[in-house]
Amino acid sequence: MKVAVYYSNSDVRIEDAPKPVIGESELLIKVMASGICGSDVMEWYRVKKAPLVLGHEVAGTVEEVGKGVKGFQMGDRVVVTHHVPCDVCHFCSRGVETMCETLRTTKFYPGGFAEYLRVPKINVEKGTLRLPPDISFEEGTFVEPLACVVRGQRKIGVEKGQTVLVLGSGISGLLHIQLAKAGGAGKVITTDINPFRLNAAKTLGADVVVDAKDDVPARVIEENNGKPVDRVIVCTGAPSAIKQAFSAVDRGGTILFFAPTEKGVEIPIHVDELWINEVTLTTSYGAVKKDLERALGLIEKGEINVRDMITHRLSLSETEKGFKIFTDGRDSIKVIINPNS
């Protein structure tokens, strides 16, 4: 079979690899669509592990069913996720399943940028969902990233009537905007340096869009009746955005760091200000099955519009082009690879 092997963001090669052979309790998936994720292009993190086949936002059809598999049969349309928890360890029992060591080490083989994918038993049981017939494979690739957004907002408790500031209007930022609005947020303000993405944010539900190069905290207060905001969701690793978050959050508010900085970046924090204002800082990483199920339901009900976020559809042979389009970012939001098109 053909696979797209990652060496760097500008070097992704189409190579031959053996078609996976599944074992007992496993599935073989014919990959129909796989999304390029922001984490796929974190070169500082990926290059040290290269060469490898990336792609974890996967939708496809069941090609083969291993002995003992229950609930799936050949031809089923499915969404598959790569990281799943054990559900029994110290972290899982406390409800922080994304800290589970099993979740950190589980994966499917070889990756979504391939014609076929072997899904291990634990991923079949805890990370594979049937795709409803009215959801396309391309829309199905949003289940995993939306699930991560669902978990993030579940952690910070976005409530009806609150004002939410989303810093960064890439894929995750646009999903956060829509989910906050779907959850009843009174006003959603968003930022970016890219006019194309600001326009997308406005189209997808943001009440106010602000150029990230402006005085964002001042603009936020101006647009929010003279007050800072209740929740800030940081969807970029830019230090400038993180500093804006500290200056834009209200007393008793919460900042969610949804994206990492580059390795080794240090941000000064005025603990006295956080203390006296009781500002909560938290992070969110990954998602688990209940988040995947909710994300799939939100897409199926039309509460989250993912179809209009797709800007580029490419074949497997064009994967390197897809990475370049994504990293350039000028007129792209979601880039989908169709390995079997």
C-alpha atoms as a PDB file:
ATOM      1  CA  MET A   1       0.000   0.000   0.000  1.00  0.00           C
ATOM      2  CA  LYS A   2       0.994   3.655  -0.277  1.00  0.00           C
ATOM      3  CA  VAL A   3       1.771   5.792   2.766  1.00  0.00           C
ATOM      4  CA  ALA A   4       2.849   9.418   3.210  1.00  0.00           C
ATOM      5  CA  VAL A   5       5.986   9.422   5.367  1.00  0.00           C
ATOM      6  CA  TYR A   6       6.780  12.581   7.322  1.00  0.00           C
ATOM      7  CA  TYR A   7      10.419  13.729   7.475  1.00  0.00           C
ATOM      8  CA  SER A   8       9.692  17.426   8.046  1.00  0.00           C
ATOM      9  CA  ASN A   9       6.936  19.924   7.281  1.00  0.00           C
ATOM     10  CA  SER A  10       8.449  20.458   3.830  1.00  0.00           C
ATOM     11  CA  ASP A  11       9.476  16.847   3.203  1.00  0.00           C
ATOM     12  CA  VAL A  12       6.646  14.304   3.112  1.00  0.00           C
ATOM     13  CA  ARG A  13       7.344  11.345   0.820  1.00  0.00           C
ATOM     14  CA  ILE A  14       4.995   8.815  -0.736  1.00  0.00           C
ATOM     15  CA  GLU A  15       6.444   5.369  -0.028  1.00  0.00           C
ATOM     16  CA  ASP A  16       5.404   1.728  -0.201  1.00  0.00           C
ATOM     17  CA  ALA A  17       4.585  -0.171   2.985  1.00  0.00           C
ATOM     18  CA  PRO A  18       3.108  -3.613   3.680  1.00  0.00           C
ATOM     19  CA  LYS A  19      -0.656  -3.635   3.977  1.00  0.00           C
ATOM     20  CA  PRO A  20      -1.348  -4.204   7.699  1.00  0.00           C
ATOM     21  CA  VAL A  21      -2.260  -7.716   8.819  1.00  0.00           C
ATOM     22  CA  ILE A  22      -4.807  -7.688  11.614  1.00  0.00           C
ATOM     23  CA  GLY A  23      -4.998 -10.060  14.524  1.00  0.00           C
ATOM     24  CA  GLU A  24      -7.748 -11.246  16.834  1.00  0.00           C
ATOM     25  CA  SER A  25     -10.102  -8.477  18.030  1.00  0.00           C
ATOM     26  CA  GLU A  26      -8.665  -5.965  15.552  1.00  0.00           C
ATOM     27  CA  LEU A  27     -10.033  -4.079  12.550  1.00  0.00           C
ATOM     28  CA  LEU A  28      -8.540  -3.166   9.196  1.00  0.00           C
ATOM     29  CA  ILE A  29      -9.817   0.215   8.021  1.00  0.00           C
ATOM     30  CA  LYS A  30      -9.731   1.537   4.477  1.00  0.00           C
ATOM     31  CA  VAL A  31      -8.922   5.203   5.084  1.00  0.00           C
ATOM     32  CA  MET A  32     -11.271   7.473   3.151  1.00  0.00           C
ATOM     33  CA  ALA A  33     -10.362  10.792   4.781  1.00  0.00           C
ATOM     34  CA  SER A  34      -7.709  12.016   7.198  1.00  0.00           C
ATOM     35  CA  GLY A  35      -7.332  15.589   8.418  1.00  0.00           C
ATOM     36  CA  ILE A  36      -4.081  17.459   8.928  1.00  0.00           C
ATOM     37  CA  CYS A  37      -3.992  18.611  12.546  1.00  0.00           C
ATOM     38  CA  GLY A  38      -2.096  21.544  14.012  1.00  0.00           C
ATOM     39  CA  SER A  39      -0.119  19.063  16.098  1.00  0.00           C
ATOM     40  CA  ASP A  40       1.004  17.286  12.916  1.00  0.00           C
ATOM     41  CA  VAL A  41       2.915  20.410  11.854  1.00  0.00           C
ATOM     42  CA  MET A  42       4.601  21.070  15.236  1.00  0.00           C
ATOM     43  CA  GLU A  43       7.968  20.487  13.605  1.00  0.00           C
ATOM     44  CA  TRP A  44       9.978  20.968  16.815  1.00  0.00           C
ATOM     45  CA  TYR A  45       8.080  17.991  18.241  1.00  0.00           C
ATOM     46  CA  ARG A  46       7.688  15.806  15.144  1.00  0.00           C
ATOM     47  CA  VAL A  47      11.119  15.960  13.498  1.00  0.00           C
ATOM     48  CA  LYS A  48      12.895  14.199  16.360  1.00  0.00           C
ATOM     49  CA  LYS A  49      10.562  11.213  15.843  1.00  0.00           C
ATOM     50  CA  ALA A  50      10.768  11.168  12.038  1.00  0.00           C
ATOM     51  CA  PRO A  51      10.410   9.333   9.764  1.00  0.00           C
ATOM     52  CA  LEU A  52       6.850   8.390  10.630  1.00  0.00           C
ATOM     53  CA  VAL A  53       3.344   8.217   9.201  1.00  0.00           C
ATOM     54  CA  LEU A  54       1.139  10.857  10.807  1.00  0.00           C
ATOM     55  CA  GLY A  55      -2.614  11.379  10.684  1.00  0.00           C
ATOM     56  CA  HIS A  56      -4.954  10.776  13.613  1.00  0.00           C
ATOM     57  CA  GLU A  57      -8.218  12.410  12.458  1.00  0.00           C
ATOM     58  CA  VAL A  58      -9.460   9.388  10.542  1.00  0.00           C
ATOM     59  CA  ALA A  59     -12.675   8.196   8.917  1.00  0.00           C
ATOM     60  CA  GLY A  60     -13.083   5.180   6.672  1.00  0.00           C
ATOM     61  CA  THR A  61     -14.737   1.821   6.085  1.00  0.00           C
ATOM     62  CA  VAL A  62     -14.164  -1.502   7.783  1.00  0.00           C
ATOM     63  CA  GLU A  63     -12.233  -3.658   5.326  1.00  0.00           C
ATOM     64  CA  GLU A  64     -11.574  -6.702   7.542  1.00  0.00           C
ATOM     65  CA  VAL A  65     -12.896  -7.820  10.929  1.00  0.00           C
ATOM     66  CA  GLY A  66     -10.729  -9.826  13.290  1.00  0.00           C
ATOM     67  CA  LYS A  67     -11.991 -12.846  15.175  1.00  0.00           C
ATOM     68  CA  GLY A  68     -13.866 -11.873  18.318  1.00  0.00           C
ATOM     69  CA  VAL A  69     -14.735  -8.319  17.275  1.00  0.00           C
ATOM     70  CA  LYS A  70     -18.247  -7.370  18.349  1.00  0.00           C
ATOM     71  CA  GLY A  71     -20.297  -4.460  17.097  1.00  0.00           C
ATOM     72  CA  PHE A  72     -18.587  -3.955  13.747  1.00  0.00           C
ATOM     73  CA  GLN A  73     -18.777  -5.679  10.395  1.00  0.00           C
ATOM     74  CA  MET A  74     -17.285  -5.324   6.937  1.00  0.00           C
ATOM     75  CA  GLY A  75     -18.450  -2.195   5.154  1.00  0.00           C
ATOM     76  CA  ASP A  76     -19.264  -0.194   8.284  1.00  0.00           C
ATOM     77  CA  ARG A  77     -18.441   3.503   8.031  1.00  0.00           C
ATOM     78  CA  VAL A  78     -16.425   4.479  11.104  1.00  0.00           C
ATOM     79  CA  VAL A  79     -14.408   7.151  12.861  1.00  0.00           C
ATOM     80  CA  VAL A  80     -11.285   5.948  14.648  1.00  0.00           C
ATOM     81  CA  THR A  81      -9.193   7.716  17.275  1.00  0.00           C
ATOM     82  CA  HIS A  82      -5.589   6.898  18.116  1.00  0.00           C
ATOM     83  CA  HIS A  83      -5.314   7.588  21.888  1.00  0.00           C
ATOM     84  CA  VAL A  84      -7.572   5.739  24.332  1.00  0.00           C
ATOM     85  CA  PRO A  85      -7.379   5.303  28.139  1.00  0.00           C
ATOM     86  CA  CYS A  86      -7.345   2.125  30.214  1.00  0.00           C
ATOM     87  CA  ASP A  87     -10.296   3.301  32.394  1.00  0.00           C
ATOM     88  CA  VAL A  88      -8.890   1.633  35.524  1.00  0.00           C
ATOM     89  CA  CYS A  89      -5.680   3.445  36.541  1.00  0.00           C
ATOM     90  CA  HIS A  90      -5.176   6.186  39.142  1.00  0.00           C
ATOM     91  CA  PHE A  91      -5.810   8.935  36.586  1.00  0.00           C
ATOM     92  CA  CYS A  92      -8.832   7.306  34.980  1.00  0.00           C
ATOM     93  CA  SER A  93     -10.470   6.698  38.341  1.00  0.00           C
ATOM     94  CA  ARG A  94     -10.121  10.414  39.107  1.00  0.00           C
ATOM     95  CA  GLY A  95     -11.726  11.463  35.833  1.00  0.00           C
ATOM     96  CA  VAL A  96      -8.525  12.771  34.234  1.00  0.00           C
ATOM     97  CA  GLU A  97      -8.291   9.996  31.655  1.00  0.00           C
ATOM     98  CA  THR A  98      -6.111  11.989  29.278  1.00  0.00           C
ATOM     99  CA  MET A  99      -3.260  11.698  31.791  1.00  0.00           C
ATOM    100  CA  CYS A 100      -3.501   7.892  31.575  1.00  0.00           C
ATOM    101  CA  GLU A 101      -0.252   6.214  30.513  1.00  0.00           C
ATOM    102  CA  THR A 102      -2.198   3.886  28.247  1.00  0.00           C
ATOM    103  CA  LEU A 103      -3.746   6.867  26.460  1.00  0.00           C
ATOM    104  CA  ARG A 104      -0.273   8.351  25.998  1.00  0.00           C
ATOM    105  CA  THR A 105       1.065   5.160  24.395  1.00  0.00           C
ATOM    106  CA  THR A 106      -1.847   3.717  22.393  1.00  0.00           C
ATOM    107  CA  LYS A 107      -2.008   4.302  18.640  1.00  0.00           C
ATOM    108  CA  PHE A 108      -3.122   2.686  15.429  1.00  0.00           C
ATOM    109  CA  TYR A 109      -0.801   1.526  12.651  1.00  0.00           C
ATOM    110  CA  PRO A 110       0.731   3.098  10.655  1.00  0.00           C
ATOM    111  CA  GLY A 111      -1.197   6.415  10.733  1.00  0.00           C
ATOM    112  CA  GLY A 112      -4.044   8.114   8.912  1.00  0.00           C
ATOM    113  CA  PHE A 113      -2.001   9.237   5.923  1.00  0.00           C
ATOM    114  CA  ALA A 114      -2.074   5.731   4.498  1.00  0.00           C
ATOM    115  CA  GLU A 115      -4.423   3.657   2.378  1.00  0.00           C
ATOM    116  CA  TYR A 116      -5.130   1.188   5.204  1.00  0.00           C
ATOM    117  CA  LEU A 117      -4.989   1.250   8.976  1.00  0.00           C
ATOM    118  CA  ARG A 118      -4.778  -1.502  11.594  1.00  0.00           C
ATOM    119  CA  VAL A 119      -6.846  -0.730  14.688  1.00  0.00           C
ATOM    120  CA  PRO A 120      -5.745  -2.575  17.866  1.00  0.00           C
ATOM    121  CA  LYS A 121      -8.283  -4.186  20.183  1.00  0.00           C
ATOM    122  CA  ILE A 122      -8.284  -1.408  22.786  1.00  0.00           C
ATOM    123  CA  ASN A 123      -8.858   1.233  20.089  1.00  0.00           C
ATOM    124  CA  VAL A 124     -11.682  -0.839  18.606  1.00  0.00           C
ATOM    125  CA  GLU A 125     -13.386  -0.993  21.989  1.00  0.00           C
ATOM    126  CA  LYS A 126     -12.718   2.528  23.296  1.00  0.00           C
ATOM    127  CA  GLY A 127     -12.047   4.691  20.270  1.00  0.00           C
ATOM    128  CA  THR A 128     -14.091   3.543  17.267  1.00  0.00           C
ATOM    129  CA  LEU A 129     -17.544   4.948  16.481  1.00  0.00           C
ATOM    130  CA  ARG A 130     -19.987   4.242  13.679  1.00  0.00           C
ATOM    131  CA  LEU A 131     -20.364   7.169  11.310  1.00  0.00           C
ATOM    132  CA  PRO A 132     -24.031   8.039  10.629  1.00  0.00           C
ATOM    133  CA  PRO A 133     -24.976   7.816   6.948  1.00  0.00           C
ATOM    134  CA  ASP A 134     -25.698  11.543   6.664  1.00  0.00           C
ATOM    135  CA  ILE A 135     -22.183  12.531   7.793  1.00  0.00           C
ATOM    136  CA  SER A 136     -19.481  12.392   5.115  1.00  0.00           C
ATOM    137  CA  PHE A 137     -16.069  10.855   5.723  1.00  0.00           C
ATOM    138  CA  GLU A 138     -14.548  14.330   5.497  1.00  0.00           C
ATOM    139  CA  GLU A 139     -16.924  15.654   8.151  1.00  0.00           C
ATOM    140  CA  GLY A 140     -16.083  12.578  10.220  1.00  0.00           C
ATOM    141  CA  THR A 141     -12.457  13.679  10.477  1.00  0.00           C
ATOM    142  CA  PHE A 142     -13.638  16.532  12.727  1.00  0.00           C
ATOM    143  CA  VAL A 143     -14.934  14.183  15.436  1.00  0.00           C
ATOM    144  CA  GLU A 144     -11.543  13.863  17.155  1.00  0.00           C
ATOM    145  CA  PRO A 145     -10.571  17.568  17.111  1.00  0.00           C
ATOM    146  CA  LEU A 146     -14.084  18.607  18.145  1.00  0.00           C
ATOM    147  CA  ALA A 147     -13.976  16.066  20.974  1.00  0.00           C
ATOM    148  CA  CYS A 148     -10.832  17.771  22.274  1.00  0.00           C
ATOM    149  CA  VAL A 149     -12.705  21.081  22.190  1.00  0.00           C
ATOM    150  CA  VAL A 150     -15.672  19.508  23.984  1.00  0.00           C
ATOM    151  CA  ARG A 151     -13.402  18.292  26.757  1.00  0.00           C
ATOM    152  CA  GLY A 152     -11.710  21.682  27.063  1.00  0.00           C
ATOM    153  CA  GLN A 153     -14.974  23.551  27.495  1.00  0.00           C
ATOM    154  CA  ARG A 154     -16.258  20.855  29.819  1.00  0.00           C
ATOM    155  CA  LYS A 155     -13.255  21.572  32.057  1.00  0.00           C
ATOM    156  CA  ILE A 156     -13.774  25.332  32.206  1.00  0.00           C
ATOM    157  CA  GLY A 157     -17.571  25.282  32.350  1.00  0.00           C
ATOM    158  CA  VAL A 158     -18.659  27.672  29.630  1.00  0.00           C
ATOM    159  CA  GLU A 159     -22.125  28.778  30.755  1.00  0.00           C
ATOM    160  CA  LYS A 160     -25.095  30.581  29.272  1.00  0.00           C
ATOM    161  CA  GLY A 161     -24.714  34.326  29.113  1.00  0.00           C
ATOM    162  CA  GLN A 162     -20.951  34.350  29.630  1.00  0.00           C
ATOM    163  CA  THR A 163     -18.572  36.299  27.407  1.00  0.00           C
ATOM    164  CA  VAL A 164     -15.874  34.120  25.864  1.00  0.00           C
ATOM    165  CA  LEU A 165     -12.659  35.316  24.238  1.00  0.00           C
ATOM    166  CA  VAL A 166     -11.041  32.901  21.775  1.00  0.00           C
ATOM    167  CA  LEU A 167      -7.447  33.838  20.952  1.00  0.00           C
ATOM    168  CA  GLY A 168      -6.571  32.334  17.573  1.00  0.00           C
ATOM    169  CA  SER A 169      -9.043  31.438  14.819  1.00  0.00           C
ATOM    170  CA  GLY A 170      -7.471  28.341  13.373  1.00  0.00           C
ATOM    171  CA  ILE A 171      -9.280  24.994  13.358  1.00  0.00           C
ATOM    172  CA  SER A 172      -9.530  24.628  17.130  1.00  0.00           C
ATOM    173  CA  GLY A 173     -10.437  28.278  17.599  1.00  0.00           C
ATOM    174  CA  LEU A 174     -13.282  28.054  15.083  1.00  0.00           C
ATOM    175  CA  LEU A 175     -14.592  24.916  16.779  1.00  0.00           C
ATOM    176  CA  HIS A 176     -14.399  26.630  20.184  1.00  0.00           C
ATOM    177  CA  ILE A 177     -16.358  29.589  18.819  1.00  0.00           C
ATOM    178  CA  GLN A 178     -19.140  27.354  17.555  1.00  0.00           C
ATOM    179  CA  LEU A 179     -19.287  25.197  20.675  1.00  0.00           C
ATOM    180  CA  ALA A 180     -19.419  28.228  22.967  1.00  0.00           C
ATOM    181  CA  LYS A 181     -22.283  29.680  20.934  1.00  0.00           C
ATOM    182  CA  ALA A 182     -24.069  26.321  20.886  1.00  0.00           C
ATOM    183  CA  GLY A 183     -23.720  26.215  24.675  1.00  0.00           C
ATOM    184  CA  GLY A 184     -25.403  29.585  25.094  1.00  0.00           C
ATOM    185  CA  ALA A 185     -22.451  31.957  25.509  1.00  0.00           C
ATOM    186  CA  GLY A 186     -23.769  35.509  25.481  1.00  0.00           C
ATOM    187  CA  LYS A 187     -20.953  36.895  23.362  1.00  0.00           C
ATOM    188  CA  VAL A 188     -17.919  35.353  21.674  1.00  0.00           C
ATOM    189  CA  ILE A 189     -14.991  37.561  20.739  1.00  0.00           C
ATOM    190  CA  THR A 190     -12.165  36.118  18.672  1.00  0.00           C
ATOM    191  CA  THR A 191      -8.764  37.190  17.380  1.00  0.00           C
ATOM    192  CA  ASP A 192      -6.269  36.299  14.681  1.00  0.00           C
ATOM    193  CA  ILE A 193      -3.603  37.963  12.569  1.00  0.00           C
ATOM    194  CA  ASN A 194      -5.035  36.415   9.389  1.00  0.00           C
ATOM    195  CA  PRO A 195      -7.964  38.276   7.722  1.00  0.00           C
ATOM    196  CA  PHE A 196      -9.075  35.052   5.994  1.00  0.00           C
ATOM    197  CA  ARG A 197      -9.509  33.322   9.337  1.00  0.00           C
ATOM    198  CA  LEU A 198     -11.140  36.340  10.963  1.00  0.00           C
ATOM    199  CA  ASN A 199     -13.706  36.295   8.174  1.00  0.00           C
ATOM    200  CA  ALA A 200     -14.264  32.569   8.773  1.00  0.00           C
ATOM    201  CA  ALA A 201     -14.718  33.245  12.495  1.00  0.00           C
ATOM    202  CA  LYS A 202     -17.381  35.851  11.761  1.00  0.00           C
ATOM    203  CA  THR A 203     -19.133  33.517   9.327  1.00  0.00           C
ATOM    204  CA  LEU A 204     -19.109  30.659  11.846  1.00  0.00           C
ATOM    205  CA  GLY A 205     -20.635  32.623  14.704  1.00  0.00           C
ATOM    206  CA  ALA A 206     -18.190  34.990  16.384  1.00  0.00           C
ATOM    207  CA  ASP A 207     -19.948  38.135  17.546  1.00  0.00           C
ATOM    208  CA  VAL A 208     -16.815  40.287  17.380  1.00  0.00           C
ATOM    209  CA  VAL A 209     -13.531  39.730  15.540  1.00  0.00           C
ATOM    210  CA  VAL A 210     -10.349  41.604  16.468  1.00  0.00           C
ATOM    211  CA  ASP A 211      -7.009  41.813  14.697  1.00  0.00           C
ATOM    212  CA  ALA A 212      -4.543  40.182  17.106  1.00  0.00           C
ATOM    213  CA  LYS A 213      -2.027  42.947  16.365  1.00  0.00           C
ATOM    214  CA  ASP A 214      -4.396  45.502  17.953  1.00  0.00           C
ATOM    215  CA  ASP A 215      -4.604  46.277  21.672  1.00  0.00           C
ATOM    216  CA  VAL A 216      -6.731  43.187  22.284  1.00  0.00           C
ATOM    217  CA  PRO A 217      -7.502  43.696  26.020  1.00  0.00           C
ATOM    218  CA  ALA A 218      -8.650  47.264  25.336  1.00  0.00           C
ATOM    219  CA  ARG A 219     -10.794  46.168  22.390  1.00  0.00           C
ATOM    220  CA  VAL A 220     -12.302  43.360  24.469  1.00  0.00           C
ATOM    221  CA  ILE A 221     -13.324  45.729  27.258  1.00  0.00           C
ATOM    222  CA  GLU A 222     -14.729  48.141  24.675  1.00  0.00           C
ATOM    223  CA  GLU A 223     -16.814  45.385  23.080  1.00  0.00           C
ATOM    224  CA  ASN A 224     -17.934  43.888  26.402  1.00  0.00           C
ATOM    225  CA  ASN A 225     -19.636  46.847  28.070  1.00  0.00           C
ATOM    226  CA  GLY A 226     -16.500  48.004  29.857  1.00  0.00           C
ATOM    227  CA  LYS A 227     -15.664  44.647  31.405  1.00  0.00           C
ATOM    228  CA  PRO A 228     -13.089  41.896  30.845  1.00  0.00           C
ATOM    229  CA  VAL A 229     -14.389  38.453  29.870  1.00  0.00           C
ATOM    230  CA  ASP A 230     -15.489  35.424  31.870  1.00  0.00           C
ATOM    231  CA  ARG A 231     -13.576  32.793  29.901  1.00  0.00           C
ATOM    232  CA  VAL A 232     -10.472  33.020  27.720  1.00  0.00           C
ATOM    233  CA  ILE A 233      -9.512  30.134  25.443  1.00  0.00           C
ATOM    234  CA  VAL A 234      -5.974  30.367  24.074  1.00  0.00           C
ATOM    235  CA  CYS A 235      -5.755  28.469  20.772  1.00  0.00           C
ATOM    236  CA  THR A 236      -2.287  29.649  19.777  1.00  0.00           C
ATOM    237  CA  GLY A 237       1.144  29.242  21.279  1.00  0.00           C
ATOM    238  CA  ALA A 238       2.120  32.853  20.519  1.00  0.00           C
ATOM    239  CA  PRO A 239       3.493  34.471  23.717  1.00  0.00           C
ATOM    240  CA  SER A 240       1.755  37.726  22.766  1.00  0.00           C
ATOM    241  CA  ALA A 241      -1.617  35.966  22.858  1.00  0.00           C
ATOM    242  CA  ILE A 242      -0.891  34.445  26.254  1.00  0.00           C
ATOM    243  CA  LYS A 243      -0.069  37.888  27.630  1.00  0.00           C
ATOM    244  CA  GLN A 244      -3.316  39.213  26.124  1.00  0.00           C
ATOM    245  CA  ALA A 245      -5.208  36.451  27.948  1.00  0.00           C
ATOM    246  CA  PHE A 246      -3.923  37.586  31.344  1.00  0.00           C
ATOM    247  CA  SER A 247      -5.005  41.166  30.640  1.00  0.00           C
ATOM    248  CA  ALA A 248      -8.432  40.283  29.233  1.00  0.00           C
ATOM    249  CA  VAL A 249      -9.833  37.902  31.863  1.00  0.00           C
ATOM    250  CA  ASP A 250     -12.224  39.175  34.522  1.00  0.00           C
ATOM    251  CA  ARG A 251     -12.005  38.603  38.261  1.00  0.00           C
ATOM    252  CA  GLY A 252     -13.090  35.063  39.051  1.00  0.00           C
ATOM    253  CA  GLY A 253     -12.574  34.104  35.416  1.00  0.00           C
ATOM    254  CA  THR A 254     -10.781  31.193  33.802  1.00  0.00           C
ATOM    255  CA  ILE A 255      -8.074  30.913  31.151  1.00  0.00           C
ATOM    256  CA  LEU A 256      -7.830  27.667  29.174  1.00  0.00           C
ATOM    257  CA  PHE A 257      -4.512  27.026  27.448  1.00  0.00           C
ATOM    258  CA  PHE A 258      -5.557  24.852  24.537  1.00  0.00           C
ATOM    259  CA  ALA A 259      -2.339  25.049  22.498  1.00  0.00           C
ATOM    260  CA  PRO A 260       1.313  24.648  23.497  1.00  0.00           C
ATOM    261  CA  THR A 261       4.095  27.127  22.921  1.00  0.00           C
ATOM    262  CA  GLU A 262       7.262  25.995  21.224  1.00  0.00           C
ATOM    263  CA  LYS A 263       9.621  23.989  23.427  1.00  0.00           C
ATOM    264  CA  GLY A 264      11.271  25.972  26.197  1.00  0.00           C
ATOM    265  CA  VAL A 265       9.242  29.183  25.933  1.00  0.00           C
ATOM    266  CA  GLU A 266       8.787  30.862  29.329  1.00  0.00           C
ATOM    267  CA  ILE A 267       5.956  33.280  30.104  1.00  0.00           C
ATOM    268  CA  PRO A 268       6.152  35.537  33.193  1.00  0.00           C
ATOM    269  CA  ILE A 269       3.136  35.288  35.494  1.00  0.00           C
ATOM    270  CA  HIS A 270       2.145  37.857  38.114  1.00  0.00           C
ATOM    271  CA  VAL A 271       0.935  35.476  40.799  1.00  0.00           C
ATOM    272  CA  ASP A 272      -0.182  38.333  43.056  1.00  0.00           C
ATOM    273  CA  GLU A 273      -2.662  39.503  40.415  1.00  0.00           C
ATOM    274  CA  LEU A 274      -3.957  35.978  39.801  1.00  0.00           C
ATOM    275  CA  TRP A 275      -4.292  35.459  43.555  1.00  0.00           C
ATOM    276  CA  ILE A 276      -6.169  38.632  44.383  1.00  0.00           C
ATOM    277  CA  ASN A 277      -8.471  38.211  41.365  1.00  0.00           C
ATOM    278  CA  GLU A 278      -8.972  34.455  41.820  1.00  0.00           C
ATOM    279  CA  VAL A 279      -8.197  33.708  38.187  1.00  0.00           C
ATOM    280  CA  THR A 280      -8.067  30.024  37.305  1.00  0.00           C
ATOM    281  CA  LEU A 281      -5.473  28.758  34.833  1.00  0.00           C
ATOM    282  CA  THR A 282      -5.935  25.340  33.289  1.00  0.00           C
ATOM    283  CA  THR A 283      -4.954  23.268  30.265  1.00  0.00           C
ATOM    284  CA  SER A 284      -6.654  20.601  28.209  1.00  0.00           C
ATOM    285  CA  TYR A 285      -5.098  17.745  26.261  1.00  0.00           C
ATOM    286  CA  GLY A 286      -6.855  15.129  24.169  1.00  0.00           C
ATOM    287  CA  ALA A 287     -10.286  13.575  24.551  1.00  0.00           C
ATOM    288  CA  VAL A 288     -11.963  10.315  25.527  1.00  0.00           C
ATOM    289  CA  LYS A 289     -14.917   8.319  24.221  1.00  0.00           C
ATOM    290  CA  LYS A 290     -17.670  10.334  25.904  1.00  0.00           C
ATOM    291  CA  ASP A 291     -16.231  13.464  24.280  1.00  0.00           C
ATOM    292  CA  LEU A 292     -16.040  11.707  20.898  1.00  0.00           C
ATOM    293  CA  GLU A 293     -19.660  10.635  21.221  1.00  0.00           C
ATOM    294  CA  ARG A 294     -20.811  14.144  22.069  1.00  0.00           C
ATOM    295  CA  ALA A 295     -18.762  15.606  19.213  1.00  0.00           C
ATOM    296  CA  LEU A 296     -20.294  13.164  16.753  1.00  0.00           C
ATOM    297  CA  GLY A 297     -23.763  14.073  18.030  1.00  0.00           C
ATOM    298  CA  LEU A 298     -23.108  17.802  17.650  1.00  0.00           C
ATOM    299  CA  ILE A 299     -22.027  17.304  14.033  1.00  0.00           C
ATOM    300  CA  GLU A 300     -24.966  14.997  13.272  1.00  0.00           C
ATOM    301  CA  LYS A 301     -27.482  17.489  14.680  1.00  0.00           C
ATOM    302  CA  GLY A 302     -25.935  20.339  12.722  1.00  0.00           C
ATOM    303  CA  GLU A 303     -25.063  22.288  15.871  1.00  0.00           C
ATOM    304  CA  ILE A 304     -21.451  22.523  14.740  1.00  0.00           C
ATOM    305  CA  ASN A 305     -20.779  23.381  11.105  1.00  0.00           C
ATOM    306  CA  VAL A 306     -17.641  21.540  10.038  1.00  0.00           C
ATOM    307  CA  ARG A 307     -18.412  21.260   6.320  1.00  0.00           C
ATOM    308  CA  ASP A 308     -17.701  24.929   5.678  1.00  0.00           C
ATOM    309  CA  MET A 309     -14.355  24.694   7.469  1.00  0.00           C
ATOM    310  CA  ILE A 310     -12.910  22.425   4.778  1.00  0.00           C
ATOM    311  CA  THR A 311     -10.861  24.537   2.386  1.00  0.00           C
ATOM    312  CA  HIS A 312      -8.663  21.919   0.685  1.00  0.00           C
ATOM    313  CA  ARG A 313      -9.199  18.309  -0.384  1.00  0.00           C
ATOM    314  CA  LEU A 314      -6.122  16.470  -1.642  1.00  0.00           C
ATOM    315  CA  SER A 315      -5.071  12.975  -2.653  1.00  0.00           C
ATOM    316  CA  LEU A 316      -2.496  10.955  -0.715  1.00  0.00           C
ATOM    317  CA  SER A 317       0.113  11.799  -3.353  1.00  0.00           C
ATOM    318  CA  GLU A 318      -0.439  15.480  -2.530  1.00  0.00           C
ATOM    319  CA  THR A 319       0.154  15.145   1.225  1.00  0.00           C
ATOM    320  CA  GLU A 320       3.359  17.220   1.139  1.00  0.00           C
ATOM    321  CA  LYS A 321       1.421  19.952  -0.662  1.00  0.00           C
ATOM    322  CA  GLY A 322      -1.206  19.719   2.071  1.00  0.00           C
ATOM    323  CA  PHE A 323       1.403  20.268   4.781  1.00  0.00           C
ATOM    324  CA  LYS A 324       2.764  23.296   2.936  1.00  0.00           C
ATOM    325  CA  ILE A 325      -0.734  24.756   2.507  1.00  0.00           C
ATOM    326  CA  PHE A 326      -1.461  24.216   6.195  1.00  0.00           C
ATOM    327  CA  THR A 327       1.779  25.745   7.455  1.00  0.00           C
ATOM    328  CA  ASP A 328       1.447  28.711   5.094  1.00  0.00           C
ATOM    329  CA  GLY A 329      -2.053  29.276   6.462  1.00  0.00           C
ATOM    330  CA  ARG A 330      -2.979  32.298   4.375  1.00  0.00           C
ATOM    331  CA  ASP A 331      -6.160  30.908   2.832  1.00  0.00           C
ATOM    332  CA  SER A 332      -6.610  27.564   4.522  1.00  0.00           C
ATOM    333  CA  ILE A 333      -8.530  26.248   7.477  1.00  0.00           C
ATOM    334  CA  LYS A 334      -8.968  22.492   7.219  1.00  0.00           C
ATOM    335  CA  VAL A 335      -6.888  20.430   4.821  1.00  0.00           C
ATOM    336  CA  ILE A 336      -8.205  16.913   4.210  1.00  0.00           C
ATOM    337  CA  ILE A 337      -6.212  14.053   2.675  1.00  0.00           C
ATOM    338  CA  ASN A 338      -8.271  11.419   0.816  1.00  0.00           C
ATOM    339  CA  PRO A 339      -5.969   8.351   0.624  1.00  0.00           C
ATOM    340  CA  ASN A 340      -8.332   6.255  -1.488  1.00  0.00           C
ATOM    341  CA  SER A 341      -9.800   8.897  -3.770  1.00  0.00           C
END
